[in-house]
Each structure stands twice: as C-alpha cells, then as structure tokens.
C-alpha cells in the first residue's frame, strides 16, 4: 500500500494490513460510539486501541491531534 498522497483527502497513515474480525454486537456498538465521540473512523479507533493495548502506540499515527487512547 502506498504511503504517499496522490490527491486530496486524508493523509496516508503508513503501511496497513487488512484484518477482518467478528465481535459481539454490543462490543461493535460501543466501538462505534467511542470512535464517533473522538471524531475518528472506527477503523482508526480500533487500530489505536489495539496498539495501545500492545504497548505499541507509536505504531499508529493519527492524522490530526486527537486525544491519545489510554493504555
């Protein structure tokens, strides 16, 4: 995946690998609410939560100055 921008839109977030996961509906709803409250995509929120949980917060770069996800 390219990490440079070729046009308008959000900045590139670096190399990413697609992952599909199934979660209970109530977990999905909570993730969606938290992402919306932070003004970021659910994809970005889940990536930040996973990275923080693994102690790898530096691996996830938000494209704006959102509040960091607590570990």
PDB file of N, CA and C in Angstrom:
ATOM      1  N   UNK A   1       0.844  -1.177   0.000  1.00  0.00           N
ATOM      2  CA  UNK A   1       0.000   0.000   0.000  1.00  0.00           C
ATOM      3  C   UNK A   1       0.887   1.236   0.000  1.00  0.00           C
ATOM      4  N   UNK A   2       0.553   2.183  -0.819  1.00  0.00           N
ATOM      5  CA  UNK A   2       1.330   3.419  -0.897  1.00  0.00           C
ATOM      6  C   UNK A   2       1.123   4.249   0.360  1.00  0.00           C
ATOM      7  N   UNK A   3       2.177   4.931   0.783  1.00  0.00           N
ATOM      8  CA  UNK A   3       2.069   5.766   1.981  1.00  0.00           C
ATOM      9  C   UNK A   3       2.152   7.245   1.643  1.00  0.00           C
ATOM     10  N   UNK A   4       2.099   7.593   0.374  1.00  0.00           N
ATOM     11  CA  UNK A   4       2.104   8.995  -0.024  1.00  0.00           C
ATOM     12  C   UNK A   4       0.756   9.326  -0.644  1.00  0.00           C
ATOM     13  N   UNK A   5       0.394  10.578  -0.550  1.00  0.00           N
ATOM     14  CA  UNK A   5      -0.879  11.022  -1.101  1.00  0.00           C
ATOM     15  C   UNK A   5      -0.737  11.303  -2.573  1.00  0.00           C
ATOM     16  N   UNK A   6      -1.757  10.925  -3.320  1.00  0.00           N
ATOM     17  CA  UNK A   6      -1.761  11.218  -4.745  1.00  0.00           C
ATOM     18  C   UNK A   6      -2.810  12.260  -5.091  1.00  0.00           C
ATOM     19  N   UNK A   7      -3.517  12.755  -4.100  1.00  0.00           N
ATOM     20  CA  UNK A   7      -4.547  13.747  -4.355  1.00  0.00           C
ATOM     21  C   UNK A   7      -5.163  14.218  -3.059  1.00  0.00           C
ATOM     22  N   UNK A   8      -6.322  14.877  -3.164  1.00  0.00           N
ATOM     23  CA  UNK A   8      -6.968  15.376  -1.962  1.00  0.00           C
ATOM     24  C   UNK A   8      -7.465  14.231  -1.083  1.00  0.00           C
ATOM     25  N   UNK A   9      -7.783  14.560   0.139  1.00  0.00           N
ATOM     26  CA  UNK A   9      -8.266  13.550   1.074  1.00  0.00           C
ATOM     27  C   UNK A   9      -7.383  13.494   2.298  1.00  0.00           C
ATOM     28  N   UNK A  10      -7.631  12.505   3.127  1.00  0.00           N
ATOM     29  CA  UNK A  10      -6.863  12.409   4.360  1.00  0.00           C
ATOM     30  C   UNK A  10      -5.425  11.989   4.073  1.00  0.00           C
ATOM     31  N   UNK A  11      -4.507  12.369   4.949  1.00  0.00           N
ATOM     32  CA  UNK A  11      -3.111  11.971   4.776  1.00  0.00           C
ATOM     33  C   UNK A  11      -2.950  10.458   4.916  1.00  0.00           C
ATOM     34  N   UNK A  12      -1.954   9.912   4.239  1.00  0.00           N
ATOM     35  CA  UNK A  12      -1.662   8.487   4.352  1.00  0.00           C
ATOM     36  C   UNK A  12      -1.237   8.165   5.781  1.00  0.00           C
ATOM     37  N   UNK A  13      -1.630   7.015   6.282  1.00  0.00           N
ATOM     38  CA  UNK A  13      -1.319   6.617   7.650  1.00  0.00           C
ATOM     39  C   UNK A  13      -0.217   5.571   7.714  1.00  0.00           C
ATOM     40  N   UNK A  14       0.445   5.301   6.616  1.00  0.00           N
ATOM     41  CA  UNK A  14       1.509   4.304   6.612  1.00  0.00           C
ATOM     42  C   UNK A  14       1.002   2.954   6.132  1.00  0.00           C
ATOM     43  N   UNK A  15       1.903   1.997   6.108  1.00  0.00           N
ATOM     44  CA  UNK A  15       1.561   0.662   5.624  1.00  0.00           C
ATOM     45  C   UNK A  15       0.533   0.018   6.544  1.00  0.00           C
ATOM     46  N   UNK A  16      -0.476  -0.585   5.962  1.00  0.00           N
ATOM     47  CA  UNK A  16      -1.549  -1.219   6.721  1.00  0.00           C
ATOM     48  C   UNK A  16      -1.829  -2.605   6.149  1.00  0.00           C
ATOM     49  N   UNK A  17      -2.317  -3.495   6.991  1.00  0.00           N
ATOM     50  CA  UNK A  17      -2.753  -4.825   6.586  1.00  0.00           C
ATOM     51  C   UNK A  17      -4.218  -4.966   6.952  1.00  0.00           C
ATOM     52  N   UNK A  18      -5.006  -5.452   6.001  1.00  0.00           N
ATOM     53  CA  UNK A  18      -6.442  -5.623   6.239  1.00  0.00           C
ATOM     54  C   UNK A  18      -6.663  -6.778   7.209  1.00  0.00           C
ATOM     55  N   UNK A  19      -7.605  -6.572   8.136  1.00  0.00           N
ATOM     56  CA  UNK A  19      -7.948  -7.600   9.110  1.00  0.00           C
ATOM     57  C   UNK A  19      -9.461  -7.602   9.274  1.00  0.00           C
ATOM     58  N   UNK A  20     -10.059  -8.764   9.188  1.00  0.00           N
ATOM     59  CA  UNK A  20     -11.498  -8.884   9.397  1.00  0.00           C
ATOM     60  C   UNK A  20     -11.724  -9.604  10.713  1.00  0.00           C
ATOM     61  N   UNK A  21     -12.609  -9.062  11.518  1.00  0.00           N
ATOM     62  CA  UNK A  21     -12.871  -9.651  12.830  1.00  0.00           C
ATOM     63  C   UNK A  21     -14.364  -9.569  13.129  1.00  0.00           C
ATOM     64  N   UNK A  22     -14.869 -10.571  13.813  1.00  0.00           N
ATOM     65  CA  UNK A  22     -16.270 -10.566  14.245  1.00  0.00           C
ATOM     66  C   UNK A  22     -16.290 -10.346  15.753  1.00  0.00           C
ATOM     67  N   UNK A  23     -17.111  -9.404  16.182  1.00  0.00           N
ATOM     68  CA  UNK A  23     -17.246  -9.107  17.608  1.00  0.00           C
ATOM     69  C   UNK A  23     -18.728  -9.138  17.969  1.00  0.00           C
ATOM     70  N   UNK A  24     -19.042  -9.336  19.239  1.00  0.00           N
ATOM     71  CA  UNK A  24     -20.446  -9.268  19.658  1.00  0.00           C
ATOM     72  C   UNK A  24     -21.038  -7.897  19.311  1.00  0.00           C
ATOM     73  N   UNK A  25     -22.316  -7.887  19.021  1.00  0.00           N
ATOM     74  CA  UNK A  25     -22.986  -6.648  18.609  1.00  0.00           C
ATOM     75  C   UNK A  25     -22.833  -5.526  19.619  1.00  0.00           C
ATOM     76  N   UNK A  26     -22.889  -5.835  20.916  1.00  0.00           N
ATOM     77  CA  UNK A  26     -22.759  -4.777  21.916  1.00  0.00           C
ATOM     78  C   UNK A  26     -21.342  -4.196  21.924  1.00  0.00           C
ATOM     79  N   UNK A  27     -20.338  -5.013  21.636  1.00  0.00           N
ATOM     80  CA  UNK A  27     -18.962  -4.518  21.531  1.00  0.00           C
ATOM     81  C   UNK A  27     -18.835  -3.619  20.304  1.00  0.00           C
ATOM     82  N   UNK A  28     -19.407  -4.045  19.183  1.00  0.00           N
ATOM     83  CA  UNK A  28     -19.391  -3.239  17.965  1.00  0.00           C
ATOM     84  C   UNK A  28     -20.025  -1.874  18.220  1.00  0.00           C
ATOM     85  N   UNK A  29     -21.183  -1.869  18.866  1.00  0.00           N
ATOM     86  CA  UNK A  29     -21.881  -0.609  19.147  1.00  0.00           C
ATOM     87  C   UNK A  29     -21.037   0.309  20.027  1.00  0.00           C
ATOM     88  N   UNK A  30     -20.377  -0.263  21.037  1.00  0.00           N
ATOM     89  CA  UNK A  30     -19.523   0.540  21.923  1.00  0.00           C
ATOM     90  C   UNK A  30     -18.332   1.108  21.155  1.00  0.00           C
ATOM     91  N   UNK A  31     -17.717   0.307  20.292  1.00  0.00           N
ATOM     92  CA  UNK A  31     -16.595   0.789  19.476  1.00  0.00           C
ATOM     93  C   UNK A  31     -17.041   1.927  18.560  1.00  0.00           C
ATOM     94  N   UNK A  32     -18.204   1.751  17.945  1.00  0.00           N
ATOM     95  CA  UNK A  32     -18.731   2.785  17.045  1.00  0.00           C
ATOM     96  C   UNK A  32     -18.988   4.084  17.793  1.00  0.00           C
ATOM     97  N   UNK A  33     -19.581   3.993  18.985  1.00  0.00           N
ATOM     98  CA  UNK A  33     -19.851   5.197  19.788  1.00  0.00           C
ATOM     99  C   UNK A  33     -18.558   5.904  20.179  1.00  0.00           C
ATOM    100  N   UNK A  34     -17.575   5.141  20.650  1.00  0.00           N
ATOM    101  CA  UNK A  34     -16.300   5.740  21.069  1.00  0.00           C
ATOM    102  C   UNK A  34     -15.588   6.415  19.907  1.00  0.00           C
ATOM    103  N   UNK A  35     -15.571   5.767  18.757  1.00  0.00           N
ATOM    104  CA  UNK A  35     -14.926   6.359  17.584  1.00  0.00           C
ATOM    105  C   UNK A  35     -15.624   7.659  17.194  1.00  0.00           C
ATOM    106  N   UNK A  36     -16.950   7.635  17.177  1.00  0.00           N
ATOM    107  CA  UNK A  36     -17.716   8.835  16.825  1.00  0.00           C
ATOM    108  C   UNK A  36     -17.459   9.952  17.826  1.00  0.00           C
ATOM    109  N   UNK A  37     -17.399   9.617  19.106  1.00  0.00           N
ATOM    110  CA  UNK A  37     -17.157  10.625  20.139  1.00  0.00           C
ATOM    111  C   UNK A  37     -15.790  11.277  19.965  1.00  0.00           C
ATOM    112  N   UNK A  38     -14.833  10.531  19.439  1.00  0.00           N
ATOM    113  CA  UNK A  38     -13.477  11.056  19.222  1.00  0.00           C
ATOM    114  C   UNK A  38     -13.319  11.703  17.845  1.00  0.00           C
ATOM    115  N   UNK A  39     -14.343  11.559  17.000  1.00  0.00           N
ATOM    116  CA  UNK A  39     -14.284  12.165  15.672  1.00  0.00           C
ATOM    117  C   UNK A  39     -13.332  11.453  14.722  1.00  0.00           C
ATOM    118  N   UNK A  40     -13.140  10.145  14.929  1.00  0.00           N
ATOM    119  CA  UNK A  40     -12.268   9.370  14.043  1.00  0.00           C
ATOM    120  C   UNK A  40     -13.039   8.162  13.532  1.00  0.00           C
ATOM    121  N   UNK A  41     -12.518   7.521  12.501  1.00  0.00           N
ATOM    122  CA  UNK A  41     -13.176   6.334  11.967  1.00  0.00           C
ATOM    123  C   UNK A  41     -13.082   5.193  12.971  1.00  0.00           C
ATOM    124  N   UNK A  42     -14.015   4.267  12.877  1.00  0.00           N
ATOM    125  CA  UNK A  42     -13.962   3.111  13.759  1.00  0.00           C
ATOM    126  C   UNK A  42     -12.694   2.312  13.477  1.00  0.00           C
ATOM    127  N   UNK A  43     -12.287   2.238  12.233  1.00  0.00           N
ATOM    128  CA  UNK A  43     -11.055   1.547  11.872  1.00  0.00           C
ATOM    129  C   UNK A  43      -9.856   2.148  12.604  1.00  0.00           C
ATOM    130  N   UNK A  44      -9.745   3.467  12.580  1.00  0.00           N
ATOM    131  CA  UNK A  44      -8.629   4.135  13.255  1.00  0.00           C
ATOM    132  C   UNK A  44      -8.709   3.925  14.763  1.00  0.00           C
ATOM    133  N   UNK A  45      -9.913   3.993  15.319  1.00  0.00           N
ATOM    134  CA  UNK A  45     -10.076   3.805  16.760  1.00  0.00           C
ATOM    135  C   UNK A  45      -9.644   2.400  17.182  1.00  0.00           C
ATOM    136  N   UNK A  46     -10.101   1.385  16.460  1.00  0.00           N
ATOM    137  CA  UNK A  46      -9.736   0.005  16.801  1.00  0.00           C
ATOM    138  C   UNK A  46      -8.229  -0.192  16.672  1.00  0.00           C
ATOM    139  N   UNK A  47      -7.617   0.380  15.634  1.00  0.00           N
ATOM    140  CA  UNK A  47      -6.161   0.276  15.468  1.00  0.00           C
ATOM    141  C   UNK A  47      -5.439   0.927  16.644  1.00  0.00           C
ATOM    142  N   UNK A  48      -5.921   2.083  17.096  1.00  0.00           N
ATOM    143  CA  UNK A  48      -5.289   2.775  18.224  1.00  0.00           C
ATOM    144  C   UNK A  48      -5.459   2.003  19.529  1.00  0.00           C
ATOM    145  N   UNK A  49      -6.646   1.436  19.758  1.00  0.00           N
ATOM    146  CA  UNK A  49      -6.883   0.660  20.974  1.00  0.00           C
ATOM    147  C   UNK A  49      -5.988  -0.578  20.986  1.00  0.00           C
ATOM    148  N   UNK A  50      -5.917  -1.282  19.862  1.00  0.00           N
ATOM    149  CA  UNK A  50      -5.075  -2.481  19.785  1.00  0.00           C
ATOM    150  C   UNK A  50      -3.608  -2.124  20.008  1.00  0.00           C
ATOM    151  N   UNK A  51      -3.137  -1.061  19.364  1.00  0.00           N
ATOM    152  CA  UNK A  51      -1.736  -0.652  19.517  1.00  0.00           C
ATOM    153  C   UNK A  51      -1.441  -0.250  20.961  1.00  0.00           C
ATOM    154  N   UNK A  52      -2.354   0.488  21.584  1.00  0.00           N
ATOM    155  CA  UNK A  52      -2.155   0.898  22.979  1.00  0.00           C
ATOM    156  C   UNK A  52      -2.122  -0.321  23.895  1.00  0.00           C
ATOM    157  N   UNK A  53      -3.004  -1.271  23.661  1.00  0.00           N
ATOM    158  CA  UNK A  53      -3.056  -2.486  24.474  1.00  0.00           C
ATOM    159  C   UNK A  53      -1.755  -3.278  24.370  1.00  0.00           C
ATOM    160  N   UNK A  54      -1.140  -3.250  23.198  1.00  0.00           N
ATOM    161  CA  UNK A  54       0.103  -3.984  22.966  1.00  0.00           C
ATOM    162  C   UNK A  54       1.347  -3.171  23.318  1.00  0.00           C
ATOM    163  N   UNK A  55       1.147  -1.941  23.796  1.00  0.00           N
ATOM    164  CA  UNK A  55       2.289  -1.089  24.123  1.00  0.00           C
ATOM    165  C   UNK A  55       3.002  -0.575  22.891  1.00  0.00           C
ATOM    166  N   UNK A  56       2.262  -0.430  21.799  1.00  0.00           N
ATOM    167  CA  UNK A  56       2.845  -0.009  20.524  1.00  0.00           C
ATOM    168  C   UNK A  56       2.168   1.248  19.989  1.00  0.00           C
ATOM    169  N   UNK A  57       1.801   2.172  20.866  1.00  0.00           N
ATOM    170  CA  UNK A  57       1.071   3.368  20.448  1.00  0.00           C
ATOM    171  C   UNK A  57       1.787   4.150  19.365  1.00  0.00           C
ATOM    172  N   UNK A  58       3.130   4.104  19.365  1.00  0.00           N
ATOM    173  CA  UNK A  58       3.887   4.835  18.344  1.00  0.00           C
ATOM    174  C   UNK A  58       3.663   4.263  16.946  1.00  0.00           C
ATOM    175  N   UNK A  59       3.143   3.039  16.842  1.00  0.00           N
ATOM    176  CA  UNK A  59       2.917   2.410  15.542  1.00  0.00           C
ATOM    177  C   UNK A  59       1.694   2.979  14.838  1.00  0.00           C
ATOM    178  N   UNK A  60       0.835   3.663  15.568  1.00  0.00           N
ATOM    179  CA  UNK A  60      -0.387   4.219  14.996  1.00  0.00           C
ATOM    180  C   UNK A  60      -0.270   5.724  15.008  1.00  0.00           C
ATOM    181  N   UNK A  61      -0.347   6.321  13.838  1.00  0.00           N
ATOM    182  CA  UNK A  61      -0.236   7.777  13.760  1.00  0.00           C
ATOM    183  C   UNK A  61      -1.566   8.356  13.312  1.00  0.00           C
ATOM    184  N   UNK A  62      -2.233   9.062  14.210  1.00  0.00           N
ATOM    185  CA  UNK A  62      -3.467   9.748  13.843  1.00  0.00           C
ATOM    186  C   UNK A  62      -3.133  10.885  12.897  1.00  0.00           C
ATOM    187  N   UNK A  63      -4.048  11.205  12.022  1.00  0.00           N
ATOM    188  CA  UNK A  63      -3.792  12.260  11.053  1.00  0.00           C
ATOM    189  C   UNK A  63      -4.215  13.627  11.549  1.00  0.00           C
ATOM    190  N   UNK A  64      -4.635  13.715  12.793  1.00  0.00           N
ATOM    191  CA  UNK A  64      -4.866  15.018  13.402  1.00  0.00           C
ATOM    192  C   UNK A  64      -4.548  14.910  14.887  1.00  0.00           C
ATOM    193  N   UNK A  65      -4.781  15.948  15.629  1.00  0.00           N
ATOM    194  CA  UNK A  65      -4.368  15.985  17.031  1.00  0.00           C
ATOM    195  C   UNK A  65      -5.461  15.474  17.965  1.00  0.00           C
ATOM    196  N   UNK A  66      -5.921  14.245  17.742  1.00  0.00           N
ATOM    197  CA  UNK A  66      -6.921  13.649  18.614  1.00  0.00           C
ATOM    198  C   UNK A  66      -6.278  13.274  19.942  1.00  0.00           C
ATOM    199  N   UNK A  67      -7.100  13.191  20.965  1.00  0.00           N
ATOM    200  CA  UNK A  67      -6.635  12.755  22.278  1.00  0.00           C
ATOM    201  C   UNK A  67      -6.136  11.312  22.171  1.00  0.00           C
ATOM    202  N   UNK A  68      -5.010  11.037  22.787  1.00  0.00           N
ATOM    203  CA  UNK A  68      -4.446   9.689  22.741  1.00  0.00           C
ATOM    204  C   UNK A  68      -5.354   8.712  23.477  1.00  0.00           C
ATOM    205  N   UNK A  69      -5.392   7.485  22.978  1.00  0.00           N
ATOM    206  CA  UNK A  69      -6.164   6.433  23.612  1.00  0.00           C
ATOM    207  C   UNK A  69      -5.364   5.923  24.811  1.00  0.00           C
ATOM    208  N   UNK A  70      -5.946   5.910  26.011  1.00  0.00           N
ATOM    209  CA  UNK A  70      -5.192   5.433  27.174  1.00  0.00           C
ATOM    210  C   UNK A  70      -4.891   3.947  27.075  1.00  0.00           C
ATOM    211  N   UNK A  71      -3.723   3.545  27.572  1.00  0.00           N
ATOM    212  CA  UNK A  71      -3.314   2.133  27.518  1.00  0.00           C
ATOM    213  C   UNK A  71      -4.010   1.321  28.580  1.00  0.00           C
TER     214      UNK A  71
END
